[in-house]
Amino acid sequence: MQLLFLIIKRTELVDNIMKALAAAGVHGGTVIDSVGMAKSISSMDNLPTIGFLREMLKGEDPTKKGKTIIIAVEDDKVEAAKKAILGITGDLTKPNAGVLFGVPISFALGIN
């Protein structure tokens, strides 16, 4: 079993992502609001490296919140889940498109 994390700024895609996951047989995800680094440092002026970080994060909208989708997926459904997600999000290798990764679950309670 794996815990998949999808971090995405394009919050308008979340409902379609969840529908695509359900259609792929993946159920039981959780969606939480998330704030990226740009938002976190946008109001900090007292640190010497903030100017450098702001330059690195140029192009990111510091006021926009994102979403993090967390889903526990059986190993045999991981590829179907990835395909469903990428079918909605498109190519995640583009800048600011999102991040998808999986972490092995060593044990789980409360998951059917």
N, C-alpha and C. Protein backbone atom coordinates (compact mmCIF):
# COMPACT_ATOMS: atom_id res chain seq x y z
N MET A 1 0.83 -1.17 0.00
CA MET A 1 0.00 0.00 0.00
C MET A 1 0.88 1.24 0.00
N GLN A 2 0.41 2.29 -0.68
CA GLN A 2 1.15 3.55 -0.73
C GLN A 2 0.23 4.71 -0.36
N LEU A 3 0.83 5.74 0.20
CA LEU A 3 0.13 6.98 0.47
C LEU A 3 0.56 7.96 -0.62
N LEU A 4 -0.39 8.34 -1.48
CA LEU A 4 -0.10 9.27 -2.56
C LEU A 4 -0.43 10.68 -2.11
N PHE A 5 0.46 11.60 -2.45
CA PHE A 5 0.28 13.02 -2.16
C PHE A 5 0.26 13.76 -3.48
N LEU A 6 -0.75 14.57 -3.70
CA LEU A 6 -0.79 15.46 -4.84
C LEU A 6 -0.93 16.87 -4.29
N ILE A 7 0.06 17.72 -4.59
CA ILE A 7 0.04 19.11 -4.16
C ILE A 7 -0.16 19.94 -5.42
N ILE A 8 -1.24 20.73 -5.43
CA ILE A 8 -1.60 21.43 -6.65
C ILE A 8 -2.17 22.81 -6.34
N LYS A 9 -1.79 23.79 -7.15
CA LYS A 9 -2.32 25.14 -7.01
C LYS A 9 -3.62 25.34 -7.76
N ARG A 10 -3.81 24.56 -8.80
CA ARG A 10 -5.01 24.71 -9.64
C ARG A 10 -6.18 24.03 -8.95
N THR A 11 -6.72 24.72 -7.95
CA THR A 11 -7.76 24.15 -7.10
C THR A 11 -9.03 23.83 -7.87
N GLU A 12 -9.22 24.46 -9.00
CA GLU A 12 -10.42 24.19 -9.81
C GLU A 12 -10.43 22.77 -10.37
N LEU A 13 -9.27 22.08 -10.33
CA LEU A 13 -9.17 20.71 -10.84
C LEU A 13 -9.50 19.65 -9.79
N VAL A 14 -9.59 20.03 -8.54
CA VAL A 14 -9.70 19.04 -7.46
C VAL A 14 -10.93 18.15 -7.61
N ASP A 15 -12.09 18.72 -7.88
CA ASP A 15 -13.30 17.89 -8.01
C ASP A 15 -13.16 16.88 -9.15
N ASN A 16 -12.61 17.32 -10.28
CA ASN A 16 -12.43 16.39 -11.40
C ASN A 16 -11.39 15.33 -11.10
N ILE A 17 -10.36 15.68 -10.34
CA ILE A 17 -9.35 14.69 -9.93
C ILE A 17 -10.00 13.63 -9.05
N MET A 18 -10.81 14.06 -8.10
CA MET A 18 -11.47 13.11 -7.20
C MET A 18 -12.43 12.20 -7.97
N LYS A 19 -13.15 12.77 -8.95
CA LYS A 19 -14.05 11.96 -9.78
C LYS A 19 -13.27 10.94 -10.60
N ALA A 20 -12.13 11.36 -11.16
CA ALA A 20 -11.30 10.46 -11.97
C ALA A 20 -10.73 9.34 -11.10
N LEU A 21 -10.33 9.66 -9.88
CA LEU A 21 -9.82 8.64 -8.97
C LEU A 21 -10.92 7.63 -8.63
N ALA A 22 -12.12 8.12 -8.35
CA ALA A 22 -13.23 7.22 -8.03
C ALA A 22 -13.54 6.31 -9.23
N ALA A 23 -13.51 6.87 -10.43
CA ALA A 23 -13.76 6.08 -11.63
C ALA A 23 -12.69 5.01 -11.83
N ALA A 24 -11.48 5.28 -11.33
CA ALA A 24 -10.38 4.32 -11.43
C ALA A 24 -10.39 3.30 -10.29
N GLY A 25 -11.40 3.39 -9.42
CA GLY A 25 -11.51 2.44 -8.31
C GLY A 25 -10.73 2.83 -7.08
N VAL A 26 -10.33 4.09 -7.01
CA VAL A 26 -9.57 4.59 -5.86
C VAL A 26 -10.51 5.45 -5.02
N HIS A 27 -10.66 5.10 -3.75
CA HIS A 27 -11.61 5.79 -2.88
C HIS A 27 -10.93 6.16 -1.56
N GLY A 28 -11.53 7.11 -0.85
CA GLY A 28 -11.09 7.42 0.50
C GLY A 28 -10.02 8.49 0.61
N GLY A 29 -9.95 9.40 -0.32
CA GLY A 29 -8.95 10.46 -0.25
C GLY A 29 -9.37 11.58 0.67
N THR A 30 -8.40 12.38 1.04
CA THR A 30 -8.61 13.57 1.87
C THR A 30 -8.02 14.76 1.15
N VAL A 31 -8.73 15.88 1.18
CA VAL A 31 -8.25 17.11 0.56
C VAL A 31 -8.09 18.15 1.66
N ILE A 32 -6.90 18.76 1.71
CA ILE A 32 -6.65 19.81 2.70
C ILE A 32 -6.09 21.05 2.00
N ASP A 33 -6.35 22.21 2.59
CA ASP A 33 -5.76 23.44 2.08
C ASP A 33 -4.27 23.42 2.38
N SER A 34 -3.49 24.00 1.48
CA SER A 34 -2.06 24.06 1.71
C SER A 34 -1.52 25.41 1.25
N VAL A 35 -0.41 25.80 1.84
CA VAL A 35 0.23 27.07 1.54
C VAL A 35 1.66 26.78 1.16
N GLY A 36 2.08 27.32 0.03
CA GLY A 36 3.43 27.10 -0.44
C GLY A 36 4.44 28.05 0.17
N MET A 37 5.68 27.83 -0.18
CA MET A 37 6.77 28.63 0.36
C MET A 37 6.63 30.11 0.02
N ALA A 38 6.18 30.42 -1.19
CA ALA A 38 6.03 31.81 -1.61
C ALA A 38 5.09 32.56 -0.67
N LYS A 39 3.98 31.92 -0.33
CA LYS A 39 3.01 32.54 0.59
C LYS A 39 3.61 32.70 1.98
N SER A 40 4.34 31.70 2.42
CA SER A 40 4.90 31.72 3.76
C SER A 40 5.91 32.85 3.95
N ILE A 41 6.71 33.13 2.92
CA ILE A 41 7.76 34.14 3.09
C ILE A 41 7.37 35.51 2.55
N SER A 42 6.20 35.63 1.94
CA SER A 42 5.84 36.89 1.29
C SER A 42 5.78 38.06 2.26
N SER A 43 5.49 37.81 3.52
CA SER A 43 5.39 38.92 4.48
C SER A 43 6.62 39.05 5.36
N MET A 44 7.64 38.26 5.15
CA MET A 44 8.86 38.33 5.96
C MET A 44 9.84 39.32 5.33
N ASP A 45 10.23 40.29 6.10
CA ASP A 45 11.21 41.27 5.61
C ASP A 45 12.47 41.29 6.46
N ASN A 46 12.47 40.58 7.56
CA ASN A 46 13.57 40.70 8.51
C ASN A 46 14.67 39.67 8.35
N LEU A 47 14.57 38.80 7.36
CA LEU A 47 15.60 37.79 7.17
C LEU A 47 16.48 38.17 5.99
N PRO A 48 17.79 38.02 6.10
CA PRO A 48 18.69 38.47 5.03
C PRO A 48 18.55 37.71 3.72
N THR A 49 18.03 36.51 3.74
CA THR A 49 17.94 35.73 2.51
C THR A 49 16.60 35.87 1.80
N ILE A 50 15.70 36.65 2.36
CA ILE A 50 14.36 36.76 1.79
C ILE A 50 14.39 37.32 0.37
N GLY A 51 15.21 38.31 0.11
CA GLY A 51 15.31 38.87 -1.24
C GLY A 51 15.72 37.80 -2.24
N PHE A 52 16.68 36.97 -1.86
CA PHE A 52 17.13 35.87 -2.72
C PHE A 52 16.00 34.87 -2.96
N LEU A 53 15.29 34.51 -1.89
CA LEU A 53 14.19 33.55 -2.02
C LEU A 53 13.06 34.12 -2.87
N ARG A 54 12.78 35.40 -2.68
CA ARG A 54 11.72 36.01 -3.49
C ARG A 54 12.08 35.95 -4.97
N GLU A 55 13.35 36.18 -5.28
CA GLU A 55 13.79 36.12 -6.68
C GLU A 55 13.65 34.70 -7.22
N MET A 56 14.00 33.71 -6.40
CA MET A 56 13.88 32.31 -6.81
C MET A 56 12.43 31.93 -7.09
N LEU A 57 11.51 32.47 -6.32
CA LEU A 57 10.10 32.11 -6.42
C LEU A 57 9.33 33.05 -7.33
N LYS A 58 10.04 33.85 -8.08
CA LYS A 58 9.41 34.82 -8.98
C LYS A 58 8.43 34.08 -9.90
N GLY A 59 7.29 34.67 -10.12
CA GLY A 59 6.28 34.05 -10.98
C GLY A 59 5.23 33.29 -10.21
N GLU A 60 5.50 32.97 -8.95
CA GLU A 60 4.50 32.31 -8.13
C GLU A 60 3.61 33.36 -7.50
N ASP A 61 2.34 33.10 -7.44
CA ASP A 61 1.39 34.01 -6.81
C ASP A 61 1.37 33.71 -5.31
N PRO A 62 1.94 34.62 -4.50
CA PRO A 62 2.04 34.34 -3.06
C PRO A 62 0.70 34.39 -2.33
N THR A 63 -0.33 34.91 -2.98
CA THR A 63 -1.63 35.00 -2.32
C THR A 63 -2.49 33.78 -2.57
N LYS A 64 -2.12 32.95 -3.52
CA LYS A 64 -2.94 31.80 -3.89
C LYS A 64 -2.63 30.59 -3.04
N LYS A 65 -3.67 30.03 -2.44
CA LYS A 65 -3.53 28.79 -1.69
C LYS A 65 -3.72 27.62 -2.63
N GLY A 66 -3.16 26.51 -2.27
CA GLY A 66 -3.31 25.30 -3.05
C GLY A 66 -4.09 24.26 -2.28
N LYS A 67 -4.08 23.06 -2.81
CA LYS A 67 -4.72 21.92 -2.16
C LYS A 67 -3.73 20.77 -2.14
N THR A 68 -3.82 19.97 -1.11
CA THR A 68 -3.07 18.73 -1.03
C THR A 68 -4.07 17.59 -0.91
N ILE A 69 -3.97 16.66 -1.84
CA ILE A 69 -4.83 15.48 -1.83
C ILE A 69 -3.99 14.32 -1.33
N ILE A 70 -4.51 13.61 -0.34
CA ILE A 70 -3.81 12.47 0.25
C ILE A 70 -4.71 11.24 0.09
N ILE A 71 -4.15 10.18 -0.50
CA ILE A 71 -4.94 8.99 -0.77
C ILE A 71 -4.12 7.75 -0.44
N ALA A 72 -4.70 6.85 0.34
CA ALA A 72 -4.09 5.54 0.58
C ALA A 72 -4.54 4.63 -0.56
N VAL A 73 -3.56 4.05 -1.27
CA VAL A 73 -3.85 3.27 -2.47
C VAL A 73 -3.17 1.91 -2.39
N GLU A 74 -3.93 0.87 -2.70
CA GLU A 74 -3.34 -0.47 -2.80
C GLU A 74 -2.28 -0.45 -3.91
N ASP A 75 -1.23 -1.22 -3.73
CA ASP A 75 -0.12 -1.23 -4.70
C ASP A 75 -0.59 -1.49 -6.12
N ASP A 76 -1.56 -2.36 -6.28
CA ASP A 76 -2.01 -2.70 -7.63
C ASP A 76 -2.86 -1.59 -8.28
N LYS A 77 -3.20 -0.54 -7.53
CA LYS A 77 -3.98 0.58 -8.08
C LYS A 77 -3.17 1.87 -8.21
N VAL A 78 -1.89 1.83 -7.84
CA VAL A 78 -1.07 3.04 -7.90
C VAL A 78 -0.97 3.59 -9.32
N GLU A 79 -0.70 2.73 -10.28
CA GLU A 79 -0.57 3.20 -11.67
C GLU A 79 -1.89 3.76 -12.19
N ALA A 80 -3.00 3.13 -11.83
CA ALA A 80 -4.32 3.64 -12.25
C ALA A 80 -4.58 5.01 -11.61
N ALA A 81 -4.19 5.17 -10.36
CA ALA A 81 -4.36 6.46 -9.68
C ALA A 81 -3.51 7.54 -10.35
N LYS A 82 -2.25 7.21 -10.65
CA LYS A 82 -1.38 8.18 -11.33
C LYS A 82 -1.96 8.57 -12.69
N LYS A 83 -2.43 7.60 -13.43
CA LYS A 83 -3.00 7.86 -14.75
C LYS A 83 -4.24 8.75 -14.63
N ALA A 84 -5.09 8.48 -13.65
CA ALA A 84 -6.29 9.28 -13.44
C ALA A 84 -5.93 10.73 -13.10
N ILE A 85 -4.96 10.89 -12.21
CA ILE A 85 -4.53 12.24 -11.81
C ILE A 85 -3.94 12.99 -13.00
N LEU A 86 -3.00 12.35 -13.70
CA LEU A 86 -2.34 13.02 -14.83
C LEU A 86 -3.31 13.28 -15.98
N GLY A 87 -4.36 12.49 -16.08
CA GLY A 87 -5.38 12.74 -17.09
C GLY A 87 -6.10 14.06 -16.87
N ILE A 88 -6.14 14.51 -15.64
CA ILE A 88 -6.79 15.79 -15.31
C ILE A 88 -5.76 16.92 -15.23
N THR A 89 -4.64 16.68 -14.58
CA THR A 89 -3.65 17.75 -14.37
C THR A 89 -2.78 18.02 -15.58
N GLY A 90 -2.60 17.00 -16.41
CA GLY A 90 -1.63 17.12 -17.49
C GLY A 90 -0.23 16.92 -16.95
N ASP A 91 0.74 17.36 -17.70
CA ASP A 91 2.16 17.14 -17.41
C ASP A 91 2.60 17.88 -16.15
N LEU A 92 2.98 17.14 -15.12
CA LEU A 92 3.43 17.76 -13.87
C LEU A 92 4.89 18.18 -13.89
N THR A 93 5.58 17.97 -15.01
CA THR A 93 6.98 18.41 -15.08
C THR A 93 7.09 19.89 -15.44
N LYS A 94 5.98 20.52 -15.82
CA LYS A 94 5.99 21.94 -16.13
C LYS A 94 6.05 22.75 -14.83
N PRO A 95 6.64 23.93 -14.87
CA PRO A 95 6.74 24.76 -13.66
C PRO A 95 5.37 25.06 -13.05
N ASN A 96 5.28 24.96 -11.76
CA ASN A 96 4.07 25.26 -10.98
C ASN A 96 2.87 24.40 -11.35
N ALA A 97 3.08 23.26 -11.99
CA ALA A 97 1.97 22.39 -12.39
C ALA A 97 1.47 21.54 -11.22
N GLY A 98 2.33 21.22 -10.30
CA GLY A 98 1.96 20.39 -9.16
C GLY A 98 3.04 19.37 -8.87
N VAL A 99 2.83 18.65 -7.78
CA VAL A 99 3.78 17.62 -7.35
C VAL A 99 2.97 16.39 -6.95
N LEU A 100 3.39 15.24 -7.44
CA LEU A 100 2.76 13.97 -7.09
C LEU A 100 3.85 13.01 -6.64
N PHE A 101 3.67 12.41 -5.47
CA PHE A 101 4.62 11.41 -5.01
C PHE A 101 3.93 10.41 -4.10
N GLY A 102 4.54 9.24 -3.97
CA GLY A 102 4.00 8.18 -3.13
C GLY A 102 5.00 7.77 -2.07
N VAL A 103 4.46 7.36 -0.94
CA VAL A 103 5.27 6.90 0.19
C VAL A 103 4.73 5.55 0.62
N PRO A 104 5.59 4.55 0.76
CA PRO A 104 5.10 3.24 1.21
C PRO A 104 4.48 3.33 2.61
N ILE A 105 3.41 2.59 2.81
CA ILE A 105 2.75 2.53 4.12
C ILE A 105 3.17 1.23 4.78
N SER A 106 3.80 1.32 5.94
CA SER A 106 4.24 0.11 6.64
C SER A 106 3.08 -0.53 7.42
N PHE A 107 2.12 0.27 7.85
CA PHE A 107 0.91 -0.26 8.48
C PHE A 107 -0.18 0.78 8.38
N ALA A 108 -1.43 0.35 8.49
CA ALA A 108 -2.56 1.28 8.45
C ALA A 108 -3.70 0.73 9.27
N LEU A 109 -4.29 1.57 10.07
CA LEU A 109 -5.48 1.23 10.84
C LEU A 109 -6.60 2.14 10.38
N GLY A 110 -7.81 1.62 10.32
CA GLY A 110 -8.94 2.43 9.94
C GLY A 110 -9.15 2.56 8.43
N ILE A 111 -8.42 1.79 7.65
CA ILE A 111 -8.59 1.79 6.20
C ILE A 111 -9.24 0.48 5.81
N ASN A 112 -10.33 0.58 5.05
CA ASN A 112 -11.03 -0.64 4.63
C ASN A 112 -10.46 -1.14 3.32
